[in-house]
């Protein structure tokens, strides 16, 4: 967690110095989520997340140098400097995604691949509270339930969708109960142990064919 925070602090400084151009979406303060999930998943499981992807990129196997080089557009970056802040990839990590909420149906597709191959893997699809109103998210819930796909949808709620508070954007702020036919649990995203144990619980639940 300390490494991720320091990496993000370095990225913030590089952005202020205009050495990182374009967008730079930091996950500062959300380190327990990526570290806790990584502590709970297995080698066969897959992860896809939103545009705050730096922490997950590091946890899924990209070096700090690979992340910072990517942000500064260097060929030594994890995508040879062509992806930037929102497009980093590693084994079993299908990147951050710039279109709000677009990674959620892709995460359902990863779960379909797990089921099709019969490898026992579980897909983890993360999105923020700002994306929680997207229609494609509810469509993904529906398809996942219809096909009994091994996918865990995670709303990483930091209270704001960019600059808009959840109070202004969400009629209901109970994001974990949004899908009444898929069970949900609320987890303290600031508690690394809670995140890790919830991840293990979700994997066990999906492994039972649900």
N, C-alpha and C. Protein backbone atom coordinates (compact mmCIF):
# COMPACT_ATOMS: atom_id res chain seq x y z
N UNK A 1 0.83 -1.20 0.00
CA UNK A 1 0.00 0.00 0.00
C UNK A 1 0.87 1.25 0.00
N UNK A 2 1.95 1.22 0.77
CA UNK A 2 2.86 2.37 0.82
C UNK A 2 3.51 2.59 -0.55
N UNK A 3 3.89 1.49 -1.20
CA UNK A 3 4.51 1.61 -2.53
C UNK A 3 3.55 2.24 -3.53
N UNK A 4 2.30 1.79 -3.52
CA UNK A 4 1.30 2.35 -4.43
C UNK A 4 1.10 3.83 -4.15
N UNK A 5 1.00 4.20 -2.86
CA UNK A 5 0.80 5.62 -2.52
C UNK A 5 1.99 6.47 -2.97
N UNK A 6 3.18 5.98 -2.74
CA UNK A 6 4.37 6.74 -3.14
C UNK A 6 4.47 6.84 -4.67
N UNK A 7 4.10 5.78 -5.35
CA UNK A 7 4.08 5.81 -6.81
C UNK A 7 3.10 6.86 -7.32
N UNK A 8 1.92 6.93 -6.71
CA UNK A 8 0.91 7.90 -7.11
C UNK A 8 1.32 9.32 -6.76
N UNK A 9 2.03 9.48 -5.66
CA UNK A 9 2.54 10.81 -5.30
C UNK A 9 3.57 11.27 -6.32
N UNK A 10 4.44 10.34 -6.75
CA UNK A 10 5.42 10.66 -7.78
C UNK A 10 4.73 11.02 -9.09
N UNK A 11 3.67 10.26 -9.43
CA UNK A 11 2.92 10.55 -10.65
C UNK A 11 2.26 11.93 -10.58
N UNK A 12 1.73 12.27 -9.42
CA UNK A 12 1.10 13.58 -9.25
C UNK A 12 2.11 14.70 -9.45
N UNK A 13 3.33 14.51 -8.93
CA UNK A 13 4.37 15.52 -9.10
C UNK A 13 4.79 15.65 -10.56
N UNK A 14 4.91 14.49 -11.25
CA UNK A 14 5.27 14.52 -12.67
C UNK A 14 4.19 15.21 -13.50
N UNK A 15 2.94 15.02 -13.09
CA UNK A 15 1.83 15.66 -13.80
C UNK A 15 1.88 17.18 -13.61
N UNK A 16 2.17 17.62 -12.38
CA UNK A 16 2.28 19.06 -12.11
C UNK A 16 3.44 19.68 -12.87
N UNK A 17 4.48 18.89 -13.09
CA UNK A 17 5.65 19.37 -13.84
C UNK A 17 5.45 19.28 -15.35
N UNK A 18 4.26 18.80 -15.76
CA UNK A 18 3.91 18.64 -17.17
C UNK A 18 4.79 17.60 -17.89
N UNK A 19 5.35 16.68 -17.12
CA UNK A 19 6.08 15.56 -17.71
C UNK A 19 5.12 14.43 -18.05
N UNK A 20 3.95 14.43 -17.41
CA UNK A 20 2.84 13.56 -17.80
C UNK A 20 1.81 14.46 -18.47
N UNK A 21 1.52 14.18 -19.73
CA UNK A 21 0.57 15.00 -20.48
C UNK A 21 -0.78 14.27 -20.58
N UNK A 22 -1.79 15.02 -20.94
CA UNK A 22 -3.11 14.42 -21.08
C UNK A 22 -3.73 14.14 -19.72
N UNK A 23 -4.22 12.92 -19.54
CA UNK A 23 -4.94 12.57 -18.32
C UNK A 23 -4.03 11.82 -17.35
N UNK A 24 -4.31 11.97 -16.07
CA UNK A 24 -3.60 11.21 -15.04
C UNK A 24 -4.56 10.98 -13.89
N UNK A 25 -5.17 9.79 -13.86
CA UNK A 25 -6.19 9.48 -12.85
C UNK A 25 -5.55 8.67 -11.73
N UNK A 26 -5.40 9.29 -10.57
CA UNK A 26 -4.71 8.66 -9.44
C UNK A 26 -5.67 7.86 -8.58
N UNK A 27 -5.13 6.84 -7.90
CA UNK A 27 -5.94 6.05 -6.96
C UNK A 27 -5.48 6.30 -5.53
N UNK A 28 -4.93 7.47 -5.28
CA UNK A 28 -4.47 7.82 -3.93
C UNK A 28 -5.62 7.71 -2.92
N UNK A 29 -5.38 7.03 -1.83
CA UNK A 29 -6.41 6.82 -0.81
C UNK A 29 -7.23 5.57 -1.02
N UNK A 30 -7.06 4.91 -2.17
CA UNK A 30 -7.83 3.70 -2.47
C UNK A 30 -6.93 2.47 -2.55
N UNK A 31 -5.76 2.57 -1.93
CA UNK A 31 -4.76 1.50 -2.06
C UNK A 31 -5.23 0.17 -1.47
N UNK A 32 -6.01 0.21 -0.42
CA UNK A 32 -6.43 -1.03 0.24
C UNK A 32 -7.30 -1.89 -0.67
N UNK A 33 -7.95 -1.28 -1.65
CA UNK A 33 -8.81 -2.05 -2.55
C UNK A 33 -7.98 -2.93 -3.46
N UNK A 34 -7.03 -2.33 -4.19
CA UNK A 34 -6.23 -3.13 -5.13
C UNK A 34 -5.33 -4.12 -4.40
N UNK A 35 -4.76 -3.72 -3.28
CA UNK A 35 -3.86 -4.62 -2.55
C UNK A 35 -4.66 -5.75 -1.90
N UNK A 36 -5.82 -5.42 -1.34
CA UNK A 36 -6.65 -6.44 -0.70
C UNK A 36 -7.19 -7.45 -1.69
N UNK A 37 -7.64 -6.97 -2.84
CA UNK A 37 -8.15 -7.89 -3.87
C UNK A 37 -7.04 -8.81 -4.37
N UNK A 38 -5.87 -8.24 -4.61
CA UNK A 38 -4.74 -9.06 -5.06
C UNK A 38 -4.39 -10.12 -4.02
N UNK A 39 -4.55 -9.79 -2.75
CA UNK A 39 -4.27 -10.75 -1.68
C UNK A 39 -5.28 -11.88 -1.63
N UNK A 40 -6.45 -11.70 -2.26
CA UNK A 40 -7.50 -12.71 -2.19
C UNK A 40 -7.69 -13.53 -3.45
N UNK A 41 -7.25 -13.01 -4.60
CA UNK A 41 -7.50 -13.73 -5.85
C UNK A 41 -6.44 -14.80 -6.08
N UNK A 42 -6.74 -15.69 -7.04
CA UNK A 42 -5.84 -16.77 -7.42
C UNK A 42 -5.24 -16.48 -8.79
N UNK A 43 -4.29 -17.29 -9.20
CA UNK A 43 -3.61 -17.06 -10.48
C UNK A 43 -4.56 -17.15 -11.67
N UNK A 44 -5.64 -17.91 -11.53
CA UNK A 44 -6.56 -18.13 -12.65
C UNK A 44 -7.58 -17.00 -12.79
N UNK A 45 -7.73 -16.17 -11.76
CA UNK A 45 -8.74 -15.12 -11.78
C UNK A 45 -8.28 -13.91 -12.60
N UNK A 46 -9.25 -13.15 -13.11
CA UNK A 46 -8.95 -11.98 -13.94
C UNK A 46 -9.54 -10.71 -13.33
N UNK A 47 -8.91 -9.58 -13.66
CA UNK A 47 -9.33 -8.28 -13.13
C UNK A 47 -9.41 -7.28 -14.27
N UNK A 48 -10.46 -6.47 -14.25
CA UNK A 48 -10.57 -5.34 -15.17
C UNK A 48 -11.13 -4.17 -14.36
N UNK A 49 -10.60 -2.99 -14.57
CA UNK A 49 -10.99 -1.88 -13.70
C UNK A 49 -11.25 -0.60 -14.49
N UNK A 50 -11.49 0.47 -13.77
CA UNK A 50 -11.82 1.76 -14.39
C UNK A 50 -10.55 2.53 -14.72
N UNK A 51 -10.65 3.83 -14.87
CA UNK A 51 -9.46 4.59 -15.29
C UNK A 51 -8.49 4.84 -14.14
N UNK A 52 -8.86 4.57 -12.89
CA UNK A 52 -7.89 4.68 -11.79
C UNK A 52 -7.16 3.34 -11.65
N UNK A 53 -6.29 3.08 -12.61
CA UNK A 53 -5.75 1.72 -12.79
C UNK A 53 -4.32 1.53 -12.31
N UNK A 54 -3.64 2.59 -11.89
CA UNK A 54 -2.21 2.46 -11.61
C UNK A 54 -1.92 1.44 -10.51
N UNK A 55 -2.70 1.48 -9.43
CA UNK A 55 -2.48 0.57 -8.31
C UNK A 55 -2.67 -0.88 -8.72
N UNK A 56 -3.74 -1.14 -9.46
CA UNK A 56 -3.98 -2.51 -9.93
C UNK A 56 -2.88 -2.96 -10.89
N UNK A 57 -2.43 -2.05 -11.76
CA UNK A 57 -1.36 -2.40 -12.70
C UNK A 57 -0.13 -2.87 -11.95
N UNK A 58 0.22 -2.14 -10.91
CA UNK A 58 1.39 -2.51 -10.10
C UNK A 58 1.16 -3.85 -9.40
N UNK A 59 -0.02 -4.01 -8.81
CA UNK A 59 -0.30 -5.24 -8.06
C UNK A 59 -0.36 -6.47 -8.96
N UNK A 60 -0.73 -6.28 -10.21
CA UNK A 60 -0.87 -7.41 -11.14
C UNK A 60 0.43 -7.72 -11.89
N UNK A 61 1.52 -7.03 -11.51
CA UNK A 61 2.82 -7.46 -12.03
C UNK A 61 3.65 -6.44 -12.76
N UNK A 62 3.13 -5.24 -12.99
CA UNK A 62 3.92 -4.20 -13.66
C UNK A 62 4.77 -3.49 -12.61
N UNK A 63 6.02 -3.22 -12.93
CA UNK A 63 6.91 -2.54 -12.00
C UNK A 63 6.53 -1.08 -11.86
N UNK A 64 7.01 -0.44 -10.80
CA UNK A 64 6.79 1.00 -10.62
C UNK A 64 7.36 1.76 -11.82
N UNK A 65 8.54 1.34 -12.28
CA UNK A 65 9.15 1.97 -13.45
C UNK A 65 8.27 1.80 -14.68
N UNK A 66 7.68 0.61 -14.83
CA UNK A 66 6.80 0.36 -15.98
C UNK A 66 5.58 1.25 -15.97
N UNK A 67 5.04 1.51 -14.78
CA UNK A 67 3.87 2.40 -14.66
C UNK A 67 4.25 3.84 -14.96
N UNK A 68 5.29 4.34 -14.29
CA UNK A 68 5.68 5.74 -14.45
C UNK A 68 6.20 6.01 -15.86
N UNK A 69 6.89 5.03 -16.46
CA UNK A 69 7.36 5.19 -17.83
C UNK A 69 6.18 5.28 -18.79
N UNK A 70 5.16 4.48 -18.53
CA UNK A 70 3.96 4.52 -19.37
C UNK A 70 3.28 5.89 -19.26
N UNK A 71 3.20 6.40 -18.05
CA UNK A 71 2.56 7.69 -17.84
C UNK A 71 3.30 8.82 -18.54
N UNK A 72 4.62 8.70 -18.63
CA UNK A 72 5.42 9.75 -19.27
C UNK A 72 5.66 9.49 -20.75
N UNK A 73 5.03 8.44 -21.29
CA UNK A 73 5.09 8.18 -22.72
C UNK A 73 6.39 7.57 -23.20
N UNK A 74 7.08 6.85 -22.33
CA UNK A 74 8.37 6.25 -22.70
C UNK A 74 8.18 4.84 -23.25
N UNK A 75 9.09 4.42 -24.09
CA UNK A 75 9.00 3.08 -24.68
C UNK A 75 9.21 2.00 -23.62
N UNK A 76 9.82 2.36 -22.49
CA UNK A 76 10.01 1.40 -21.39
C UNK A 76 8.73 1.21 -20.58
N UNK A 77 7.65 1.91 -20.94
CA UNK A 77 6.36 1.73 -20.27
C UNK A 77 5.74 0.39 -20.58
N UNK A 78 4.76 -0.01 -19.79
CA UNK A 78 4.17 -1.34 -19.92
C UNK A 78 3.42 -1.53 -21.24
N UNK A 79 3.02 -0.44 -21.91
CA UNK A 79 2.40 -0.53 -23.22
C UNK A 79 3.21 0.32 -24.20
N UNK A 80 4.52 0.38 -23.95
CA UNK A 80 5.47 1.13 -24.79
C UNK A 80 5.11 2.60 -24.94
N UNK A 81 4.50 3.15 -23.89
CA UNK A 81 4.19 4.57 -23.88
C UNK A 81 2.99 4.98 -24.70
N UNK A 82 2.24 4.01 -25.23
CA UNK A 82 1.11 4.32 -26.11
C UNK A 82 -0.24 4.34 -25.38
N UNK A 83 -0.28 3.82 -24.16
CA UNK A 83 -1.56 3.69 -23.46
C UNK A 83 -1.84 4.81 -22.48
N UNK A 84 -0.80 5.21 -21.74
CA UNK A 84 -0.99 6.27 -20.76
C UNK A 84 -1.72 5.81 -19.52
N UNK A 85 -2.30 6.76 -18.83
CA UNK A 85 -2.87 6.53 -17.50
C UNK A 85 -3.96 5.46 -17.47
N UNK A 86 -4.79 5.40 -18.51
CA UNK A 86 -5.99 4.57 -18.46
C UNK A 86 -5.88 3.23 -19.17
N UNK A 87 -4.72 2.94 -19.76
CA UNK A 87 -4.62 1.72 -20.57
C UNK A 87 -3.34 0.96 -20.26
N UNK A 88 -3.33 0.29 -19.12
CA UNK A 88 -2.19 -0.52 -18.71
C UNK A 88 -2.65 -1.97 -18.59
N UNK A 89 -1.81 -2.89 -19.05
CA UNK A 89 -2.21 -4.29 -19.09
C UNK A 89 -1.10 -5.17 -18.54
N UNK A 90 -1.49 -6.29 -17.94
CA UNK A 90 -0.56 -7.27 -17.40
C UNK A 90 -1.23 -8.64 -17.50
N UNK A 91 -0.51 -9.73 -17.27
CA UNK A 91 -1.16 -11.05 -17.28
C UNK A 91 -2.37 -11.09 -16.35
N UNK A 92 -3.51 -11.50 -16.90
CA UNK A 92 -4.78 -11.60 -16.17
C UNK A 92 -5.32 -10.24 -15.73
N UNK A 93 -4.72 -9.17 -16.20
CA UNK A 93 -5.22 -7.82 -15.90
C UNK A 93 -5.55 -7.15 -17.23
N UNK A 94 -6.82 -6.86 -17.42
CA UNK A 94 -7.30 -6.35 -18.70
C UNK A 94 -7.48 -4.84 -18.69
N UNK A 95 -6.68 -4.20 -17.88
CA UNK A 95 -6.49 -2.76 -17.96
C UNK A 95 -7.50 -1.89 -17.27
N UNK A 96 -7.16 -0.62 -17.30
CA UNK A 96 -8.12 0.41 -16.97
C UNK A 96 -8.81 0.78 -18.27
N UNK A 97 -9.94 1.45 -18.16
CA UNK A 97 -10.71 1.80 -19.35
C UNK A 97 -11.19 3.24 -19.24
N UNK A 98 -11.03 4.00 -20.31
CA UNK A 98 -11.35 5.41 -20.28
C UNK A 98 -12.83 5.73 -20.39
N UNK A 99 -13.61 4.89 -21.06
CA UNK A 99 -15.04 5.13 -21.18
C UNK A 99 -15.72 4.71 -19.88
N UNK A 100 -16.45 5.63 -19.27
CA UNK A 100 -17.04 5.37 -17.96
C UNK A 100 -17.97 4.16 -17.99
N UNK A 101 -17.66 3.16 -17.18
CA UNK A 101 -18.50 1.97 -17.05
C UNK A 101 -18.27 0.91 -18.10
N UNK A 102 -17.48 1.20 -19.15
CA UNK A 102 -17.35 0.27 -20.28
C UNK A 102 -16.66 -1.04 -19.88
N UNK A 103 -15.89 -1.01 -18.80
CA UNK A 103 -15.17 -2.22 -18.39
C UNK A 103 -16.10 -3.26 -17.76
N UNK A 104 -17.29 -2.87 -17.34
CA UNK A 104 -18.18 -3.80 -16.66
C UNK A 104 -18.71 -4.89 -17.61
N UNK A 105 -19.25 -4.55 -18.78
CA UNK A 105 -19.62 -5.63 -19.71
C UNK A 105 -18.42 -6.44 -20.19
N UNK A 106 -17.25 -5.81 -20.30
CA UNK A 106 -16.05 -6.57 -20.64
C UNK A 106 -15.71 -7.57 -19.54
N UNK A 107 -15.92 -7.16 -18.29
CA UNK A 107 -15.69 -8.07 -17.17
C UNK A 107 -16.64 -9.25 -17.20
N UNK A 108 -17.90 -9.00 -17.61
CA UNK A 108 -18.85 -10.10 -17.78
C UNK A 108 -18.39 -11.03 -18.90
N UNK A 109 -17.81 -10.44 -19.95
CA UNK A 109 -17.27 -11.25 -21.03
C UNK A 109 -16.11 -12.11 -20.58
N UNK A 110 -15.25 -11.58 -19.71
CA UNK A 110 -14.15 -12.37 -19.15
C UNK A 110 -14.71 -13.55 -18.35
N UNK A 111 -15.79 -13.29 -17.61
CA UNK A 111 -16.42 -14.37 -16.84
C UNK A 111 -17.00 -15.43 -17.77
N UNK A 112 -17.58 -14.99 -18.89
CA UNK A 112 -18.08 -15.95 -19.88
C UNK A 112 -16.94 -16.82 -20.41
N UNK A 113 -15.78 -16.20 -20.63
CA UNK A 113 -14.62 -16.96 -21.09
C UNK A 113 -14.19 -18.00 -20.06
N UNK A 114 -14.20 -17.61 -18.78
CA UNK A 114 -13.86 -18.56 -17.71
C UNK A 114 -14.82 -19.76 -17.73
N UNK A 115 -16.11 -19.46 -17.86
CA UNK A 115 -17.11 -20.53 -17.86
C UNK A 115 -16.97 -21.40 -19.10
N UNK A 116 -16.73 -20.77 -20.23
CA UNK A 116 -16.61 -21.49 -21.50
C UNK A 116 -15.41 -22.44 -21.47
N UNK A 117 -14.30 -21.96 -20.92
CA UNK A 117 -13.09 -22.77 -20.86
C UNK A 117 -13.11 -23.77 -19.70
N UNK A 118 -13.97 -23.52 -18.72
CA UNK A 118 -14.05 -24.40 -17.57
C UNK A 118 -12.80 -24.39 -16.71
N UNK A 119 -12.14 -23.23 -16.64
CA UNK A 119 -10.89 -23.16 -15.89
C UNK A 119 -11.07 -22.83 -14.41
N UNK A 120 -12.33 -22.60 -13.99
CA UNK A 120 -12.59 -22.31 -12.58
C UNK A 120 -12.28 -20.89 -12.15
N UNK A 121 -11.94 -20.04 -13.11
CA UNK A 121 -11.59 -18.66 -12.78
C UNK A 121 -12.80 -17.79 -12.52
N UNK A 122 -12.55 -16.69 -11.81
CA UNK A 122 -13.58 -15.70 -11.50
C UNK A 122 -13.10 -14.34 -12.01
N UNK A 123 -14.00 -13.60 -12.63
CA UNK A 123 -13.69 -12.26 -13.14
C UNK A 123 -14.10 -11.21 -12.12
N UNK A 124 -13.22 -10.24 -11.90
CA UNK A 124 -13.51 -9.11 -11.02
C UNK A 124 -13.60 -7.85 -11.87
N UNK A 125 -14.78 -7.25 -11.93
CA UNK A 125 -15.01 -6.05 -12.72
C UNK A 125 -15.29 -4.88 -11.79
N UNK A 126 -14.40 -3.90 -11.79
CA UNK A 126 -14.52 -2.77 -10.88
C UNK A 126 -14.99 -1.52 -11.61
N UNK A 127 -15.80 -0.74 -10.94
CA UNK A 127 -16.26 0.54 -11.47
C UNK A 127 -16.47 1.48 -10.29
N UNK A 128 -16.62 2.76 -10.57
CA UNK A 128 -16.81 3.73 -9.50
C UNK A 128 -18.26 4.13 -9.32
N UNK A 129 -18.52 4.89 -8.26
CA UNK A 129 -19.88 5.35 -8.01
C UNK A 129 -20.37 6.26 -9.13
N UNK A 130 -19.45 6.93 -9.82
CA UNK A 130 -19.84 7.78 -10.93
C UNK A 130 -20.38 7.00 -12.11
N UNK A 131 -19.99 5.73 -12.23
CA UNK A 131 -20.46 4.87 -13.33
C UNK A 131 -21.68 4.05 -12.94
N UNK A 132 -22.08 4.12 -11.69
CA UNK A 132 -23.12 3.22 -11.18
C UNK A 132 -24.49 3.45 -11.81
N UNK A 133 -24.67 4.60 -12.48
CA UNK A 133 -25.95 4.88 -13.13
C UNK A 133 -25.97 4.45 -14.60
N UNK A 134 -24.86 3.92 -15.10
CA UNK A 134 -24.75 3.55 -16.51
C UNK A 134 -25.67 2.38 -16.85
N UNK A 135 -26.37 2.49 -17.97
CA UNK A 135 -27.27 1.42 -18.39
C UNK A 135 -26.55 0.12 -18.69
N UNK A 136 -25.34 0.22 -19.24
CA UNK A 136 -24.59 -0.99 -19.59
C UNK A 136 -24.23 -1.82 -18.36
N UNK A 137 -24.17 -1.18 -17.20
CA UNK A 137 -23.89 -1.94 -15.97
C UNK A 137 -25.07 -2.83 -15.62
N UNK A 138 -26.28 -2.30 -15.71
CA UNK A 138 -27.46 -3.10 -15.40
C UNK A 138 -27.68 -4.19 -16.45
N UNK A 139 -27.32 -3.91 -17.69
CA UNK A 139 -27.40 -4.94 -18.73
C UNK A 139 -26.42 -6.07 -18.42
N UNK A 140 -25.25 -5.70 -17.92
CA UNK A 140 -24.24 -6.71 -17.58
C UNK A 140 -24.71 -7.57 -16.41
N UNK A 141 -25.33 -6.93 -15.40
CA UNK A 141 -25.91 -7.69 -14.28
C UNK A 141 -26.88 -8.74 -14.82
N UNK A 142 -27.76 -8.30 -15.70
CA UNK A 142 -28.81 -9.17 -16.22
C UNK A 142 -28.22 -10.37 -16.96
N UNK A 143 -27.27 -10.11 -17.84
CA UNK A 143 -26.65 -11.20 -18.62
C UNK A 143 -25.88 -12.15 -17.71
N UNK A 144 -25.19 -11.58 -16.73
CA UNK A 144 -24.41 -12.41 -15.82
C UNK A 144 -25.31 -13.37 -15.03
N UNK A 145 -26.47 -12.86 -14.60
CA UNK A 145 -27.40 -13.70 -13.86
C UNK A 145 -28.05 -14.75 -14.76
N UNK A 146 -28.43 -14.31 -15.96
CA UNK A 146 -29.06 -15.25 -16.91
C UNK A 146 -28.14 -16.43 -17.22
N UNK A 147 -26.86 -16.14 -17.37
CA UNK A 147 -25.90 -17.18 -17.76
C UNK A 147 -25.15 -17.78 -16.57
N UNK A 148 -25.45 -17.30 -15.37
CA UNK A 148 -24.73 -17.76 -14.16
C UNK A 148 -23.21 -17.66 -14.35
N UNK A 149 -22.76 -16.46 -14.68
CA UNK A 149 -21.35 -16.24 -14.94
C UNK A 149 -20.58 -16.01 -13.64
N UNK A 150 -19.35 -16.50 -13.56
CA UNK A 150 -18.52 -16.30 -12.35
C UNK A 150 -17.87 -14.92 -12.35
N UNK A 151 -18.67 -13.91 -12.04
CA UNK A 151 -18.17 -12.54 -12.06
C UNK A 151 -18.55 -11.82 -10.77
N UNK A 152 -17.64 -11.00 -10.29
CA UNK A 152 -17.89 -10.17 -9.10
C UNK A 152 -17.83 -8.72 -9.56
N UNK A 153 -18.95 -8.03 -9.43
CA UNK A 153 -19.02 -6.61 -9.77
C UNK A 153 -18.71 -5.79 -8.52
N UNK A 154 -17.73 -4.92 -8.60
CA UNK A 154 -17.29 -4.16 -7.43
C UNK A 154 -17.43 -2.67 -7.70
N UNK A 155 -18.26 -2.00 -6.91
CA UNK A 155 -18.36 -0.55 -6.98
C UNK A 155 -17.37 0.04 -5.99
N UNK A 156 -16.33 0.64 -6.54
CA UNK A 156 -15.27 1.25 -5.73
C UNK A 156 -15.70 2.70 -5.45
N UNK A 157 -16.41 2.89 -4.34
CA UNK A 157 -17.08 4.15 -4.07
C UNK A 157 -16.17 5.10 -3.28
N UNK A 158 -15.68 6.14 -3.95
CA UNK A 158 -14.90 7.15 -3.24
C UNK A 158 -15.71 8.43 -3.00
N UNK A 159 -17.02 8.34 -3.26
CA UNK A 159 -17.90 9.46 -2.95
C UNK A 159 -18.10 10.46 -4.06
N UNK A 160 -17.23 10.40 -5.07
CA UNK A 160 -17.30 11.38 -6.16
C UNK A 160 -17.07 10.72 -7.51
N UNK A 161 -17.88 11.09 -8.52
CA UNK A 161 -17.62 10.74 -9.90
C UNK A 161 -16.95 11.95 -10.54
N UNK A 162 -15.61 11.92 -10.63
CA UNK A 162 -14.83 13.11 -10.96
C UNK A 162 -15.17 14.20 -9.93
N UNK A 163 -15.80 15.28 -10.31
CA UNK A 163 -16.08 16.34 -9.34
C UNK A 163 -17.50 16.34 -8.81
N UNK A 164 -18.30 15.37 -9.19
CA UNK A 164 -19.71 15.34 -8.80
C UNK A 164 -19.92 14.38 -7.65
N UNK A 165 -20.45 14.86 -6.54
CA UNK A 165 -20.66 14.01 -5.37
C UNK A 165 -21.79 13.02 -5.63
N UNK A 166 -21.75 11.90 -4.90
CA UNK A 166 -22.79 10.89 -5.05
C UNK A 166 -24.15 11.42 -4.64
N UNK A 167 -24.20 12.40 -3.75
CA UNK A 167 -25.47 12.98 -3.34
C UNK A 167 -26.16 13.69 -4.51
N UNK A 168 -25.38 14.22 -5.43
CA UNK A 168 -25.94 14.95 -6.57
C UNK A 168 -26.23 14.04 -7.76
N UNK A 169 -25.63 12.85 -7.78
CA UNK A 169 -25.77 12.01 -8.98
C UNK A 169 -26.58 10.74 -8.75
N UNK A 170 -26.75 10.31 -7.50
CA UNK A 170 -27.35 9.01 -7.22
C UNK A 170 -28.60 9.16 -6.35
N UNK A 171 -29.73 8.71 -6.89
CA UNK A 171 -30.96 8.72 -6.10
C UNK A 171 -30.86 7.73 -4.94
N UNK A 172 -30.13 6.63 -5.17
CA UNK A 172 -29.86 5.65 -4.13
C UNK A 172 -28.36 5.49 -4.00
N UNK A 173 -27.85 5.62 -2.79
CA UNK A 173 -26.41 5.50 -2.56
C UNK A 173 -26.02 4.14 -2.00
N UNK A 174 -26.99 3.21 -1.94
CA UNK A 174 -26.68 1.84 -1.53
C UNK A 174 -26.29 1.04 -2.78
N UNK A 175 -25.09 1.25 -3.25
CA UNK A 175 -24.67 0.67 -4.53
C UNK A 175 -24.62 -0.86 -4.49
N UNK A 176 -24.38 -1.43 -3.32
CA UNK A 176 -24.25 -2.89 -3.23
C UNK A 176 -25.60 -3.60 -3.26
N UNK A 177 -26.70 -2.85 -3.22
CA UNK A 177 -28.04 -3.47 -3.31
C UNK A 177 -28.72 -3.13 -4.62
N UNK A 178 -28.00 -2.52 -5.56
CA UNK A 178 -28.61 -2.06 -6.80
C UNK A 178 -29.23 -3.20 -7.61
N UNK A 179 -28.60 -4.36 -7.56
CA UNK A 179 -29.10 -5.48 -8.38
C UNK A 179 -29.77 -6.49 -7.46
N UNK A 180 -31.10 -6.47 -7.44
CA UNK A 180 -31.82 -7.26 -6.45
C UNK A 180 -31.71 -8.77 -6.68
N UNK A 181 -31.35 -9.21 -7.89
CA UNK A 181 -31.25 -10.65 -8.15
C UNK A 181 -29.81 -11.15 -8.08
N UNK A 182 -28.86 -10.28 -7.82
CA UNK A 182 -27.49 -10.69 -7.51
C UNK A 182 -27.19 -10.19 -6.10
N UNK A 183 -26.83 -11.07 -5.19
CA UNK A 183 -26.58 -10.62 -3.81
C UNK A 183 -25.38 -9.69 -3.73
N UNK A 184 -25.44 -8.76 -2.81
CA UNK A 184 -24.34 -7.81 -2.64
C UNK A 184 -23.96 -7.67 -1.19
N UNK A 185 -22.70 -7.34 -0.95
CA UNK A 185 -22.23 -7.07 0.40
C UNK A 185 -21.48 -5.75 0.41
N UNK A 186 -21.56 -5.06 1.53
CA UNK A 186 -20.83 -3.79 1.70
C UNK A 186 -19.53 -4.09 2.43
N UNK A 187 -18.44 -3.59 1.89
CA UNK A 187 -17.12 -3.86 2.45
C UNK A 187 -16.42 -2.53 2.69
N UNK A 188 -15.71 -2.42 3.80
CA UNK A 188 -14.94 -1.22 4.10
C UNK A 188 -13.69 -1.21 3.22
N UNK A 189 -13.70 -0.37 2.19
CA UNK A 189 -12.59 -0.31 1.25
C UNK A 189 -11.33 0.31 1.81
N UNK A 190 -11.38 0.79 3.05
CA UNK A 190 -10.18 1.32 3.69
C UNK A 190 -9.52 0.28 4.59
N UNK A 191 -10.14 -0.91 4.70
CA UNK A 191 -9.63 -1.99 5.55
C UNK A 191 -9.14 -3.12 4.67
N UNK A 192 -7.83 -3.26 4.56
CA UNK A 192 -7.24 -4.23 3.63
C UNK A 192 -7.65 -5.67 3.97
N UNK A 193 -7.78 -5.99 5.24
CA UNK A 193 -8.16 -7.35 5.64
C UNK A 193 -9.60 -7.63 5.23
N UNK A 194 -10.48 -6.65 5.43
CA UNK A 194 -11.88 -6.83 5.02
C UNK A 194 -11.98 -7.05 3.51
N UNK A 195 -11.21 -6.29 2.74
CA UNK A 195 -11.24 -6.43 1.29
C UNK A 195 -10.74 -7.82 0.88
N UNK A 196 -9.65 -8.26 1.49
CA UNK A 196 -9.09 -9.58 1.14
C UNK A 196 -10.07 -10.70 1.46
N UNK A 197 -10.67 -10.66 2.64
CA UNK A 197 -11.58 -11.72 3.05
C UNK A 197 -12.87 -11.70 2.23
N UNK A 198 -13.35 -10.50 1.88
CA UNK A 198 -14.54 -10.41 1.03
C UNK A 198 -14.25 -10.97 -0.35
N UNK A 199 -13.03 -10.75 -0.84
CA UNK A 199 -12.62 -11.30 -2.14
C UNK A 199 -12.65 -12.82 -2.10
N UNK A 200 -12.09 -13.40 -1.06
CA UNK A 200 -12.08 -14.87 -0.92
C UNK A 200 -13.51 -15.41 -0.81
N UNK A 201 -14.35 -14.70 -0.06
CA UNK A 201 -15.74 -15.12 0.09
C UNK A 201 -16.45 -15.11 -1.26
N UNK A 202 -16.22 -14.06 -2.05
CA UNK A 202 -16.86 -13.95 -3.36
C UNK A 202 -16.41 -15.05 -4.30
N UNK A 203 -15.13 -15.41 -4.25
CA UNK A 203 -14.60 -16.48 -5.09
C UNK A 203 -15.26 -17.81 -4.70
N UNK A 204 -15.37 -18.05 -3.42
CA UNK A 204 -16.03 -19.29 -2.96
C UNK A 204 -17.47 -19.33 -3.40
N UNK A 205 -18.17 -18.19 -3.33
CA UNK A 205 -19.57 -18.12 -3.71
C UNK A 205 -19.73 -18.42 -5.21
N UNK A 206 -18.88 -17.78 -6.03
CA UNK A 206 -18.95 -17.99 -7.47
C UNK A 206 -18.58 -19.43 -7.83
N UNK A 207 -17.70 -20.03 -7.05
CA UNK A 207 -17.28 -21.39 -7.31
C UNK A 207 -18.37 -22.43 -7.09
N UNK A 208 -19.43 -22.01 -6.40
CA UNK A 208 -20.54 -22.92 -6.17
C UNK A 208 -21.55 -22.90 -7.30
N UNK A 209 -21.16 -22.28 -8.42
CA UNK A 209 -22.04 -22.25 -9.59
C UNK A 209 -23.03 -21.12 -9.61
N UNK A 210 -22.78 -20.11 -8.76
CA UNK A 210 -23.71 -18.97 -8.68
C UNK A 210 -23.06 -17.76 -9.33
